[in-house]
Amino acid sequence: MSRNAKINALLLLAVAALAVLPLVLGLGDHKEEPFTGADAEAETAITEIEPDYEPWFSPLYEPPSGEVESALFALQAALGAGVLAYYFGLRRGRRQGEERTLAAAGAAAARDTPEGD
């Protein structure tokens, strides 16, 4: 097994552990909704500290249900991942193109040079 394969396997294992350990350890059992987002947690903390708090702004769009909100969030994450993948793929392709151009120029220069010099 190559070094890169070992690193990839360890990273995959770490990601799986991060996903499974909170469920196995029951880290959210004491809450009504154990895995809510940070916004909901902040709103709960603010209303506990200051019950009369009025937000400065209201959302531009309020999804009709939690499922729609989750779907929109997943769509946003997928679009962001797509943009990042495109950017990194484009960078890699350009770098590979430059390497091929340099290699071809080096091969052409080696052919053009007389061998007796």
PDB file of N, CA and C in Angstrom:
ATOM      1  N   MET A   1       0.853  -1.176   0.000  1.00  0.00           N
ATOM      2  CA  MET A   1       0.000   0.000   0.000  1.00  0.00           C
ATOM      3  C   MET A   1       0.899   1.240   0.000  1.00  0.00           C
ATOM      4  N   SER A   2       0.632   2.148  -0.926  1.00  0.00           N
ATOM      5  CA  SER A   2       1.479   3.333  -1.046  1.00  0.00           C
ATOM      6  C   SER A   2       1.200   4.327   0.086  1.00  0.00           C
ATOM      7  N   ARG A   3       2.092   5.263   0.230  1.00  0.00           N
ATOM      8  CA  ARG A   3       1.970   6.265   1.293  1.00  0.00           C
ATOM      9  C   ARG A   3       0.698   7.094   1.110  1.00  0.00           C
ATOM     10  N   ASN A   4       0.401   7.500  -0.141  1.00  0.00           N
ATOM     11  CA  ASN A   4      -0.801   8.287  -0.400  1.00  0.00           C
ATOM     12  C   ASN A   4      -2.069   7.508  -0.086  1.00  0.00           C
ATOM     13  N   ALA A   5      -2.073   6.212  -0.382  1.00  0.00           N
ATOM     14  CA  ALA A   5      -3.239   5.378  -0.092  1.00  0.00           C
ATOM     15  C   ALA A   5      -3.455   5.271   1.414  1.00  0.00           C
ATOM     16  N   LYS A   6      -2.371   5.166   2.177  1.00  0.00           N
ATOM     17  CA  LYS A   6      -2.493   5.111   3.637  1.00  0.00           C
ATOM     18  C   LYS A   6      -3.047   6.416   4.193  1.00  0.00           C
ATOM     19  N   ILE A   7      -2.554   7.538   3.674  1.00  0.00           N
ATOM     20  CA  ILE A   7      -3.043   8.848   4.131  1.00  0.00           C
ATOM     21  C   ILE A   7      -4.520   8.999   3.790  1.00  0.00           C
ATOM     22  N   ASN A   8      -4.910   8.617   2.576  1.00  0.00           N
ATOM     23  CA  ASN A   8      -6.311   8.709   2.177  1.00  0.00           C
ATOM     24  C   ASN A   8      -7.203   7.834   3.047  1.00  0.00           C
ATOM     25  N   ALA A   9      -6.733   6.624   3.375  1.00  0.00           N
ATOM     26  CA  ALA A   9      -7.505   5.730   4.229  1.00  0.00           C
ATOM     27  C   ALA A   9      -7.664   6.324   5.628  1.00  0.00           C
ATOM     28  N   LEU A  10      -6.602   6.910   6.169  1.00  0.00           N
ATOM     29  CA  LEU A  10      -6.690   7.533   7.489  1.00  0.00           C
ATOM     30  C   LEU A  10      -7.632   8.742   7.480  1.00  0.00           C
ATOM     31  N   LEU A  11      -7.579   9.541   6.432  1.00  0.00           N
ATOM     32  CA  LEU A  11      -8.489  10.687   6.327  1.00  0.00           C
ATOM     33  C   LEU A  11      -9.942  10.229   6.225  1.00  0.00           C
ATOM     34  N   LEU A  12     -10.194   9.199   5.451  1.00  0.00           N
ATOM     35  CA  LEU A  12     -11.548   8.660   5.321  1.00  0.00           C
ATOM     36  C   LEU A  12     -12.043   8.117   6.663  1.00  0.00           C
ATOM     37  N   LEU A  13     -11.168   7.450   7.389  1.00  0.00           N
ATOM     38  CA  LEU A  13     -11.520   6.937   8.706  1.00  0.00           C
ATOM     39  C   LEU A  13     -11.829   8.084   9.675  1.00  0.00           C
ATOM     40  N   ALA A  14     -11.046   9.153   9.619  1.00  0.00           N
ATOM     41  CA  ALA A  14     -11.280  10.308  10.489  1.00  0.00           C
ATOM     42  C   ALA A  14     -12.627  10.972  10.171  1.00  0.00           C
ATOM     43  N   VAL A  15     -12.961  11.101   8.904  1.00  0.00           N
ATOM     44  CA  VAL A  15     -14.244  11.698   8.519  1.00  0.00           C
ATOM     45  C   VAL A  15     -15.398  10.828   8.997  1.00  0.00           C
ATOM     46  N   ALA A  16     -15.266   9.515   8.828  1.00  0.00           N
ATOM     47  CA  ALA A  16     -16.313   8.603   9.288  1.00  0.00           C
ATOM     48  C   ALA A  16     -16.472   8.700  10.806  1.00  0.00           C
ATOM     49  N   ALA A  17     -15.362   8.802  11.523  1.00  0.00           N
ATOM     50  CA  ALA A  17     -15.432   8.931  12.989  1.00  0.00           C
ATOM     51  C   ALA A  17     -16.117  10.222  13.391  1.00  0.00           C
ATOM     52  N   LEU A  18     -15.819  11.313  12.688  1.00  0.00           N
ATOM     53  CA  LEU A  18     -16.473  12.591  13.002  1.00  0.00           C
ATOM     54  C   LEU A  18     -17.977  12.532  12.751  1.00  0.00           C
ATOM     55  N   ALA A  19     -18.402  11.743  11.799  1.00  0.00           N
ATOM     56  CA  ALA A  19     -19.821  11.633  11.503  1.00  0.00           C
ATOM     57  C   ALA A  19     -20.544  10.702  12.484  1.00  0.00           C
ATOM     58  N   VAL A  20     -19.869   9.642  12.918  1.00  0.00           N
ATOM     59  CA  VAL A  20     -20.532   8.615  13.720  1.00  0.00           C
ATOM     60  C   VAL A  20     -20.423   8.864  15.223  1.00  0.00           C
ATOM     61  N   LEU A  21     -19.300   9.382  15.693  1.00  0.00           N
ATOM     62  CA  LEU A  21     -19.096   9.537  17.137  1.00  0.00           C
ATOM     63  C   LEU A  21     -20.164  10.366  17.847  1.00  0.00           C
ATOM     64  N   PRO A  22     -20.610  11.508  17.324  1.00  0.00           N
ATOM     65  CA  PRO A  22     -21.667  12.244  18.035  1.00  0.00           C
ATOM     66  C   PRO A  22     -22.949  11.433  18.195  1.00  0.00           C
ATOM     67  N   LEU A  23     -23.259  10.601  17.225  1.00  0.00           N
ATOM     68  CA  LEU A  23     -24.458   9.771  17.330  1.00  0.00           C
ATOM     69  C   LEU A  23     -24.276   8.657  18.347  1.00  0.00           C
ATOM     70  N   VAL A  24     -23.109   8.020  18.330  1.00  0.00           N
ATOM     71  CA  VAL A  24     -22.837   6.906  19.236  1.00  0.00           C
ATOM     72  C   VAL A  24     -22.759   7.390  20.686  1.00  0.00           C
ATOM     73  N   LEU A  25     -22.116   8.533  20.895  1.00  0.00           N
ATOM     74  CA  LEU A  25     -21.950   9.046  22.254  1.00  0.00           C
ATOM     75  C   LEU A  25     -23.192   9.741  22.785  1.00  0.00           C
ATOM     76  N   GLY A  26     -24.187   9.965  21.920  1.00  0.00           N
ATOM     77  CA  GLY A  26     -25.436  10.594  22.361  1.00  0.00           C
ATOM     78  C   GLY A  26     -25.245  12.039  22.776  1.00  0.00           C
ATOM     79  N   LEU A  27     -24.462  12.794  22.033  1.00  0.00           N
ATOM     80  CA  LEU A  27     -24.141  14.154  22.425  1.00  0.00           C
ATOM     81  C   LEU A  27     -25.330  15.102  22.363  1.00  0.00           C
ATOM     82  N   GLY A  28     -26.391  14.765  21.629  1.00  0.00           N
ATOM     83  CA  GLY A  28     -27.528  15.662  21.530  1.00  0.00           C
ATOM     84  C   GLY A  28     -28.785  15.129  22.173  1.00  0.00           C
ATOM     85  N   ASP A  29     -28.669  14.095  23.006  1.00  0.00           N
ATOM     86  CA  ASP A  29     -29.853  13.453  23.573  1.00  0.00           C
ATOM     87  C   ASP A  29     -30.652  14.351  24.508  1.00  0.00           C
ATOM     88  N   HIS A  30     -30.010  15.310  25.153  1.00  0.00           N
ATOM     89  CA  HIS A  30     -30.712  16.146  26.123  1.00  0.00           C
ATOM     90  C   HIS A  30     -31.491  17.287  25.469  1.00  0.00           C
ATOM     91  N   LYS A  31     -31.396  17.436  24.167  1.00  0.00           N
ATOM     92  CA  LYS A  31     -32.063  18.534  23.465  1.00  0.00           C
ATOM     93  C   LYS A  31     -33.293  18.033  22.727  1.00  0.00           C
ATOM     94  N   GLU A  32     -34.240  18.961  22.510  1.00  0.00           N
ATOM     95  CA  GLU A  32     -35.438  18.617  21.756  1.00  0.00           C
ATOM     96  C   GLU A  32     -35.091  18.337  20.295  1.00  0.00           C
ATOM     97  N   GLU A  33     -34.302  19.223  19.691  1.00  0.00           N
ATOM     98  CA  GLU A  33     -33.785  19.023  18.339  1.00  0.00           C
ATOM     99  C   GLU A  33     -32.265  18.972  18.451  1.00  0.00           C
ATOM    100  N   PRO A  34     -31.678  17.774  18.483  1.00  0.00           N
ATOM    101  CA  PRO A  34     -30.261  17.651  18.835  1.00  0.00           C
ATOM    102  C   PRO A  34     -29.274  18.234  17.837  1.00  0.00           C
ATOM    103  N   PHE A  35     -29.588  18.239  16.575  1.00  0.00           N
ATOM    104  CA  PHE A  35     -28.598  18.673  15.595  1.00  0.00           C
ATOM    105  C   PHE A  35     -29.088  19.868  14.792  1.00  0.00           C
ATOM    106  N   THR A  36     -29.539  20.892  15.485  1.00  0.00           N
ATOM    107  CA  THR A  36     -29.952  22.115  14.811  1.00  0.00           C
ATOM    108  C   THR A  36     -28.720  22.933  14.444  1.00  0.00           C
ATOM    109  N   GLY A  37     -28.913  23.912  13.588  1.00  0.00           N
ATOM    110  CA  GLY A  37     -27.800  24.731  13.140  1.00  0.00           C
ATOM    111  C   GLY A  37     -27.379  25.753  14.180  1.00  0.00           C
ATOM    112  N   ALA A  38     -26.298  26.431  13.896  1.00  0.00           N
ATOM    113  CA  ALA A  38     -25.751  27.430  14.813  1.00  0.00           C
ATOM    114  C   ALA A  38     -26.698  28.617  14.966  1.00  0.00           C
ATOM    115  N   ASP A  39     -27.438  28.946  13.913  1.00  0.00           N
ATOM    116  CA  ASP A  39     -28.378  30.068  14.000  1.00  0.00           C
ATOM    117  C   ASP A  39     -29.457  29.800  15.046  1.00  0.00           C
ATOM    118  N   ALA A  40     -29.997  28.585  15.034  1.00  0.00           N
ATOM    119  CA  ALA A  40     -31.034  28.236  16.003  1.00  0.00           C
ATOM    120  C   ALA A  40     -30.473  28.218  17.421  1.00  0.00           C
ATOM    121  N   GLU A  41     -29.256  27.725  17.573  1.00  0.00           N
ATOM    122  CA  GLU A  41     -28.618  27.716  18.895  1.00  0.00           C
ATOM    123  C   GLU A  41     -28.415  29.140  19.410  1.00  0.00           C
ATOM    124  N   ALA A  42     -27.971  30.034  18.532  1.00  0.00           N
ATOM    125  CA  ALA A  42     -27.748  31.426  18.924  1.00  0.00           C
ATOM    126  C   ALA A  42     -29.061  32.101  19.290  1.00  0.00           C
ATOM    127  N   GLU A  43     -30.095  31.841  18.523  1.00  0.00           N
ATOM    128  CA  GLU A  43     -31.405  32.440  18.811  1.00  0.00           C
ATOM    129  C   GLU A  43     -31.925  31.979  20.169  1.00  0.00           C
ATOM    130  N   THR A  44     -31.753  30.702  20.476  1.00  0.00           N
ATOM    131  CA  THR A  44     -32.175  30.171  21.772  1.00  0.00           C
ATOM    132  C   THR A  44     -31.395  30.827  22.906  1.00  0.00           C
ATOM    133  N   ALA A  45     -30.085  30.956  22.742  1.00  0.00           N
ATOM    134  CA  ALA A  45     -29.255  31.574  23.789  1.00  0.00           C
ATOM    135  C   ALA A  45     -29.636  33.041  23.992  1.00  0.00           C
ATOM    136  N   ILE A  46     -29.892  33.764  22.920  1.00  0.00           N
ATOM    137  CA  ILE A  46     -30.247  35.188  23.029  1.00  0.00           C
ATOM    138  C   ILE A  46     -31.582  35.355  23.737  1.00  0.00           C
ATOM    139  N   THR A  47     -32.569  34.536  23.392  1.00  0.00           N
ATOM    140  CA  THR A  47     -33.879  34.679  24.037  1.00  0.00           C
ATOM    141  C   THR A  47     -33.832  34.262  25.507  1.00  0.00           C
ATOM    142  N   GLU A  48     -32.916  33.379  25.869  1.00  0.00           N
ATOM    143  CA  GLU A  48     -32.764  33.033  27.287  1.00  0.00           C
ATOM    144  C   GLU A  48     -32.150  34.193  28.062  1.00  0.00           C
ATOM    145  N   ILE A  49     -31.176  34.874  27.453  1.00  0.00           N
ATOM    146  CA  ILE A  49     -30.503  35.985  28.125  1.00  0.00           C
ATOM    147  C   ILE A  49     -31.388  37.227  28.160  1.00  0.00           C
ATOM    148  N   GLU A  50     -31.986  37.558  27.035  1.00  0.00           N
ATOM    149  CA  GLU A  50     -32.798  38.775  26.896  1.00  0.00           C
ATOM    150  C   GLU A  50     -34.122  38.408  26.223  1.00  0.00           C
ATOM    151  N   PRO A  51     -35.156  38.091  27.003  1.00  0.00           N
ATOM    152  CA  PRO A  51     -36.432  37.654  26.411  1.00  0.00           C
ATOM    153  C   PRO A  51     -37.110  38.715  25.534  1.00  0.00           C
ATOM    154  N   ASP A  52     -36.860  40.005  25.777  1.00  0.00           N
ATOM    155  CA  ASP A  52     -37.508  41.071  25.005  1.00  0.00           C
ATOM    156  C   ASP A  52     -36.702  41.504  23.794  1.00  0.00           C
ATOM    157  N   TYR A  53     -35.720  40.751  23.402  1.00  0.00           N
ATOM    158  CA  TYR A  53     -34.854  41.132  22.286  1.00  0.00           C
ATOM    159  C   TYR A  53     -35.644  41.148  20.984  1.00  0.00           C
ATOM    160  N   GLU A  54     -35.462  42.198  20.201  1.00  0.00           N
ATOM    161  CA  GLU A  54     -36.066  42.323  18.872  1.00  0.00           C
ATOM    162  C   GLU A  54     -34.949  42.321  17.829  1.00  0.00           C
ATOM    163  N   PRO A  55     -34.986  41.405  16.856  1.00  0.00           N
ATOM    164  CA  PRO A  55     -33.943  41.389  15.817  1.00  0.00           C
ATOM    165  C   PRO A  55     -33.959  42.670  14.991  1.00  0.00           C
ATOM    166  N   TRP A  56     -32.803  43.069  14.510  1.00  0.00           N
ATOM    167  CA  TRP A  56     -32.692  44.279  13.698  1.00  0.00           C
ATOM    168  C   TRP A  56     -33.241  44.063  12.302  1.00  0.00           C
ATOM    169  N   PHE A  57     -33.067  42.870  11.785  1.00  0.00           N
ATOM    170  CA  PHE A  57     -33.485  42.561  10.419  1.00  0.00           C
ATOM    171  C   PHE A  57     -34.335  41.309  10.410  1.00  0.00           C
ATOM    172  N   SER A  58     -35.115  41.160   9.375  1.00  0.00           N
ATOM    173  CA  SER A  58     -35.863  39.918   9.178  1.00  0.00           C
ATOM    174  C   SER A  58     -35.384  39.276   7.869  1.00  0.00           C
ATOM    175  N   PRO A  59     -35.525  37.960   7.740  1.00  0.00           N
ATOM    176  CA  PRO A  59     -35.049  37.290   6.529  1.00  0.00           C
ATOM    177  C   PRO A  59     -35.795  37.778   5.279  1.00  0.00           C
ATOM    178  N   LEU A  60     -35.094  37.792   4.153  1.00  0.00           N
ATOM    179  CA  LEU A  60     -35.738  38.168   2.898  1.00  0.00           C
ATOM    180  C   LEU A  60     -36.722  37.096   2.448  1.00  0.00           C
ATOM    181  N   TYR A  61     -36.380  35.835   2.698  1.00  0.00           N
ATOM    182  CA  TYR A  61     -37.239  34.723   2.311  1.00  0.00           C
ATOM    183  C   TYR A  61     -37.276  33.725   3.453  1.00  0.00           C
ATOM    184  N   GLU A  62     -38.445  33.351   3.870  1.00  0.00           N
ATOM    185  CA  GLU A  62     -38.618  32.368   4.928  1.00  0.00           C
ATOM    186  C   GLU A  62     -39.174  31.094   4.299  1.00  0.00           C
ATOM    187  N   PRO A  63     -38.391  30.005   4.248  1.00  0.00           N
ATOM    188  CA  PRO A  63     -38.889  28.767   3.630  1.00  0.00           C
ATOM    189  C   PRO A  63     -40.128  28.253   4.356  1.00  0.00           C
ATOM    190  N   PRO A  64     -41.031  27.596   3.630  1.00  0.00           N
ATOM    191  CA  PRO A  64     -42.274  27.128   4.242  1.00  0.00           C
ATOM    192  C   PRO A  64     -42.086  25.997   5.259  1.00  0.00           C
ATOM    193  N   SER A  65     -40.982  25.234   5.145  1.00  0.00           N
ATOM    194  CA  SER A  65     -40.763  24.139   6.097  1.00  0.00           C
ATOM    195  C   SER A  65     -39.272  23.894   6.267  1.00  0.00           C
ATOM    196  N   GLY A  66     -38.954  23.079   7.257  1.00  0.00           N
ATOM    197  CA  GLY A  66     -37.564  22.730   7.522  1.00  0.00           C
ATOM    198  C   GLY A  66     -36.950  21.917   6.397  1.00  0.00           C
ATOM    199  N   GLU A  67     -37.785  21.099   5.725  1.00  0.00           N
ATOM    200  CA  GLU A  67     -37.280  20.285   4.624  1.00  0.00           C
ATOM    201  C   GLU A  67     -36.850  21.158   3.454  1.00  0.00           C
ATOM    202  N   VAL A  68     -37.646  22.183   3.154  1.00  0.00           N
ATOM    203  CA  VAL A  68     -37.299  23.090   2.067  1.00  0.00           C
ATOM    204  C   VAL A  68     -36.028  23.860   2.421  1.00  0.00           C
ATOM    205  N   GLU A  69     -35.926  24.282   3.672  1.00  0.00           N
ATOM    206  CA  GLU A  69     -34.728  24.986   4.128  1.00  0.00           C
ATOM    207  C   GLU A  69     -33.496  24.098   3.999  1.00  0.00           C
ATOM    208  N   SER A  70     -33.627  22.829   4.381  1.00  0.00           N
ATOM    209  CA  SER A  70     -32.514  21.889   4.251  1.00  0.00           C
ATOM    210  C   SER A  70     -32.142  21.667   2.792  1.00  0.00           C
ATOM    211  N   ALA A  71     -33.161  21.564   1.930  1.00  0.00           N
ATOM    212  CA  ALA A  71     -32.890  21.361   0.503  1.00  0.00           C
ATOM    213  C   ALA A  71     -32.164  22.566  -0.088  1.00  0.00           C
ATOM    214  N   LEU A  72     -32.573  23.762   0.291  1.00  0.00           N
ATOM    215  CA  LEU A  72     -31.906  24.967  -0.209  1.00  0.00           C
ATOM    216  C   LEU A  72     -30.467  25.041   0.294  1.00  0.00           C
ATOM    217  N   PHE A  73     -30.249  24.653   1.534  1.00  0.00           N
ATOM    218  CA  PHE A  73     -28.897  24.645   2.083  1.00  0.00           C
ATOM    219  C   PHE A  73     -28.026  23.625   1.351  1.00  0.00           C
ATOM    220  N   ALA A  74     -28.583  22.436   1.071  1.00  0.00           N
ATOM    221  CA  ALA A  74     -27.838  21.414   0.339  1.00  0.00           C
ATOM    222  C   ALA A  74     -27.518  21.885  -1.078  1.00  0.00           C
ATOM    223  N   LEU A  75     -28.467  22.580  -1.709  1.00  0.00           N
ATOM    224  CA  LEU A  75     -28.228  23.118  -3.042  1.00  0.00           C
ATOM    225  C   LEU A  75     -27.105  24.152  -3.015  1.00  0.00           C
ATOM    226  N   GLN A  76     -27.127  25.007  -2.002  1.00  0.00           N
ATOM    227  CA  GLN A  76     -26.073  26.016  -1.846  1.00  0.00           C
ATOM    228  C   GLN A  76     -24.712  25.344  -1.658  1.00  0.00           C
ATOM    229  N   ALA A  77     -24.659  24.314  -0.839  1.00  0.00           N
ATOM    230  CA  ALA A  77     -23.403  23.597  -0.609  1.00  0.00           C
ATOM    231  C   ALA A  77     -22.925  22.912  -1.888  1.00  0.00           C
ATOM    232  N   ALA A  78     -23.845  22.319  -2.649  1.00  0.00           N
ATOM    233  CA  ALA A  78     -23.465  21.649  -3.893  1.00  0.00           C
ATOM    234  C   ALA A  78     -22.941  22.652  -4.918  1.00  0.00           C
ATOM    235  N   LEU A  79     -23.584  23.801  -5.023  1.00  0.00           N
ATOM    236  CA  LEU A  79     -23.101  24.824  -5.951  1.00  0.00           C
ATOM    237  C   LEU A  79     -21.711  25.320  -5.554  1.00  0.00           C
ATOM    238  N   GLY A  80     -21.497  25.530  -4.268  1.00  0.00           N
ATOM    239  CA  GLY A  80     -20.181  25.959  -3.794  1.00  0.00           C
ATOM    240  C   GLY A  80     -19.117  24.916  -4.068  1.00  0.00           C
ATOM    241  N   ALA A  81     -19.444  23.647  -3.838  1.00  0.00           N
ATOM    242  CA  ALA A  81     -18.494  22.572  -4.112  1.00  0.00           C
ATOM    243  C   ALA A  81     -18.204  22.493  -5.608  1.00  0.00           C
ATOM    244  N   GLY A  82     -19.218  22.699  -6.437  1.00  0.00           N
ATOM    245  CA  GLY A  82     -19.012  22.683  -7.877  1.00  0.00           C
ATOM    246  C   GLY A  82     -18.097  23.797  -8.342  1.00  0.00           C
ATOM    247  N   VAL A  83     -18.286  24.988  -7.793  1.00  0.00           N
ATOM    248  CA  VAL A  83     -17.429  26.123  -8.159  1.00  0.00           C
ATOM    249  C   VAL A  83     -15.986  25.853  -7.738  1.00  0.00           C
ATOM    250  N   LEU A  84     -15.793  25.347  -6.528  1.00  0.00           N
ATOM    251  CA  LEU A  84     -14.441  25.032  -6.070  1.00  0.00           C
ATOM    252  C   LEU A  84     -13.803  23.933  -6.910  1.00  0.00           C
ATOM    253  N   ALA A  85     -14.567  22.888  -7.228  1.00  0.00           N
ATOM    254  CA  ALA A  85     -14.019  21.800  -8.041  1.00  0.00           C
ATOM    255  C   ALA A  85     -13.640  22.309  -9.429  1.00  0.00           C
ATOM    256  N   TYR A  86     -14.461  23.167 -10.011  1.00  0.00           N
ATOM    257  CA  TYR A  86     -14.148  23.733 -11.321  1.00  0.00           C
ATOM    258  C   TYR A  86     -12.858  24.550 -11.251  1.00  0.00           C
ATOM    259  N   TYR A  87     -12.739  25.387 -10.232  1.00  0.00           N
ATOM    260  CA  TYR A  87     -11.557  26.233 -10.088  1.00  0.00           C
ATOM    261  C   TYR A  87     -10.286  25.392  -9.953  1.00  0.00           C
ATOM    262  N   PHE A  88     -10.314  24.416  -9.052  1.00  0.00           N
ATOM    263  CA  PHE A  88      -9.119  23.600  -8.842  1.00  0.00           C
ATOM    264  C   PHE A  88      -8.813  22.730 -10.066  1.00  0.00           C
ATOM    265  N   GLY A  89      -9.838  22.245 -10.754  1.00  0.00           N
ATOM    266  CA  GLY A  89      -9.617  21.485 -11.981  1.00  0.00           C
ATOM    267  C   GLY A  89      -9.009  22.347 -13.070  1.00  0.00           C
ATOM    268  N   LEU A  90      -9.489  23.581 -13.176  1.00  0.00           N
ATOM    269  CA  LEU A  90      -8.945  24.505 -14.166  1.00  0.00           C
ATOM    270  C   LEU A  90      -7.482  24.814 -13.867  1.00  0.00           C
ATOM    271  N   ARG A  91      -7.176  25.054 -12.596  1.00  0.00           N
ATOM    272  CA  ARG A  91      -5.779  25.316 -12.211  1.00  0.00           C
ATOM    273  C   ARG A  91      -4.880  24.137 -12.526  1.00  0.00           C
ATOM    274  N   ARG A  92      -5.347  22.946 -12.209  1.00  0.00           N
ATOM    275  CA  ARG A  92      -4.535  21.752 -12.465  1.00  0.00           C
ATOM    276  C   ARG A  92      -4.340  21.548 -13.968  1.00  0.00           C
ATOM    277  N   GLY A  93      -5.401  21.741 -14.738  1.00  0.00           N
ATOM    278  CA  GLY A  93      -5.291  21.591 -16.185  1.00  0.00           C
ATOM    279  C   GLY A  93      -4.316  22.583 -16.787  1.00  0.00           C
ATOM    280  N   ARG A  94      -4.348  23.818 -16.310  1.00  0.00           N
ATOM    281  CA  ARG A  94      -3.403  24.814 -16.816  1.00  0.00           C
ATOM    282  C   ARG A  94      -1.967  24.436 -16.464  1.00  0.00           C
ATOM    283  N   ARG A  95      -1.767  23.959 -15.244  1.00  0.00           N
ATOM    284  CA  ARG A  95      -0.422  23.567 -14.824  1.00  0.00           C
ATOM    285  C   ARG A  95       0.076  22.392 -15.663  1.00  0.00           C
ATOM    286  N   GLN A  96      -0.791  21.415 -15.919  1.00  0.00           N
ATOM    287  CA  GLN A  96      -0.391  20.277 -16.742  1.00  0.00           C
ATOM    288  C   GLN A  96      -0.100  20.720 -18.170  1.00  0.00           C
ATOM    289  N   GLY A  97      -0.880  21.670 -18.681  1.00  0.00           N
ATOM    290  CA  GLY A  97      -0.627  22.189 -20.025  1.00  0.00           C
ATOM    291  C   GLY A  97       0.716  22.890 -20.113  1.00  0.00           C
ATOM    292  N   GLU A  98       1.049  23.671 -19.080  1.00  0.00           N
ATOM    293  CA  GLU A  98       2.350  24.347 -19.062  1.00  0.00           C
ATOM    294  C   GLU A  98       3.486  23.331 -19.004  1.00  0.00           C
ATOM    295  N   GLU A  99       3.319  22.271 -18.198  1.00  0.00           N
ATOM    296  CA  GLU A  99       4.355  21.243 -18.106  1.00  0.00           C
ATOM    297  C   GLU A  99       4.552  20.545 -19.449  1.00  0.00           C
ATOM    298  N   ARG A 100       3.453  20.252 -20.151  1.00  0.00           N
ATOM    299  CA  ARG A 100       3.568  19.608 -21.467  1.00  0.00           C
ATOM    300  C   ARG A 100       4.245  20.530 -22.467  1.00  0.00           C
ATOM    301  N   THR A 101       3.911  21.812 -22.410  1.00  0.00           N
ATOM    302  CA  THR A 101       4.535  22.771 -23.321  1.00  0.00           C
ATOM    303  C   THR A 101       6.033  22.861 -23.072  1.00  0.00           C
ATOM    304  N   LEU A 102       6.435  22.922 -21.794  1.00  0.00           N
ATOM    305  CA  LEU A 102       7.858  22.971 -21.465  1.00  0.00           C
ATOM    306  C   LEU A 102       8.573  21.694 -21.882  1.00  0.00           C
ATOM    307  N   ALA A 103       7.920  20.549 -21.681  1.00  0.00           N
ATOM    308  CA  ALA A 103       8.528  19.278 -22.067  1.00  0.00           C
ATOM    309  C   ALA A 103       8.682  19.194 -23.583  1.00  0.00           C
ATOM    310  N   ALA A 104       7.670  19.658 -24.308  1.00  0.00           N
ATOM    311  CA  ALA A 104       7.752  19.638 -25.776  1.00  0.00           C
ATOM    312  C   ALA A 104       8.834  20.596 -26.273  1.00  0.00           C
ATOM    313  N   ALA A 105       8.950  21.760 -25.642  1.00  0.00           N
ATOM    314  CA  ALA A 105       9.989  22.719 -26.031  1.00  0.00           C
ATOM    315  C   ALA A 105      11.374  22.154 -25.734  1.00  0.00           C
ATOM    316  N   GLY A 106      11.516  21.475 -24.607  1.00  0.00           N
ATOM    317  CA  GLY A 106      12.798  20.865 -24.260  1.00  0.00           C
ATOM    318  C   GLY A 106      13.161  19.755 -25.221  1.00  0.00           C
ATOM    319  N   ALA A 107      12.173  18.946 -25.629  1.00  0.00           N
ATOM    320  CA  ALA A 107      12.430  17.867 -26.583  1.00  0.00           C
ATOM    321  C   ALA A 107      12.794  18.442 -27.946  1.00  0.00           C
ATOM    322  N   ALA A 108      12.131  19.512 -28.356  1.00  0.00           N
ATOM    323  CA  ALA A 108      12.446  20.150 -29.633  1.00  0.00           C
ATOM    324  C   ALA A 108      13.832  20.757 -29.614  1.00  0.00           C
ATOM    325  N   ALA A 109      14.215  21.348 -28.502  1.00  0.00           N
ATOM    326  CA  ALA A 109      15.544  21.953 -28.385  1.00  0.00           C
ATOM    327  C   ALA A 109      16.617  20.865 -28.407  1.00  0.00           C
ATOM    328  N   ALA A 110      16.338  19.727 -27.806  1.00  0.00           N
ATOM    329  CA  ALA A 110      17.304  18.631 -27.796  1.00  0.00           C
ATOM    330  C   ALA A 110      17.470  18.046 -29.203  1.00  0.00           C
ATOM    331  N   ARG A 111      16.394  18.009 -29.997  1.00  0.00           N
ATOM    332  CA  ARG A 111      16.488  17.508 -31.373  1.00  0.00           C
ATOM    333  C   ARG A 111      17.281  18.452 -32.264  1.00  0.00           C
ATOM    334  N   ASP A 112      17.125  19.751 -32.045  1.00  0.00           N
ATOM    335  CA  ASP A 112      17.753  20.751 -32.890  1.00  0.00           C
ATOM    336  C   ASP A 112      19.241  20.919 -32.596  1.00  0.00           C
ATOM    337  N   THR A 113      19.729  20.480 -31.466  1.00  0.00           N
ATOM    338  CA  THR A 113      21.124  20.664 -31.101  1.00  0.00           C
ATOM    339  C   THR A 113      21.960  19.570 -31.763  1.00  0.00           C
ATOM    340  N   PRO A 114      23.049  19.935 -32.382  1.00  0.00           N
ATOM    341  CA  PRO A 114      23.928  18.911 -32.959  1.00  0.00           C
ATOM    342  C   PRO A 114      24.564  18.084 -31.855  1.00  0.00           C
ATOM    343  N   GLU A 115      24.691  16.791 -32.103  1.00  0.00           N
ATOM    344  CA  GLU A 115      25.190  15.883 -31.068  1.00  0.00           C
ATOM    345  C   GLU A 115      26.698  15.931 -30.937  1.00  0.00           C
ATOM    346  N   GLY A 116      27.385  16.447 -31.919  1.00  0.00           N
ATOM    347  CA  GLY A 116      28.839  16.470 -31.866  1.00  0.00           C
ATOM    348  C   GLY A 116      29.389  17.624 -31.049  1.00  0.00           C
ATOM    349  N   ASP A 117      28.602  18.545 -30.571  1.00  0.00           N
ATOM    350  CA  ASP A 117      29.114  19.705 -29.848  1.00  0.00           C
ATOM    351  C   ASP A 117      29.490  19.396 -28.458  1.00  0.00           C
TER     352      ASP A 117
END
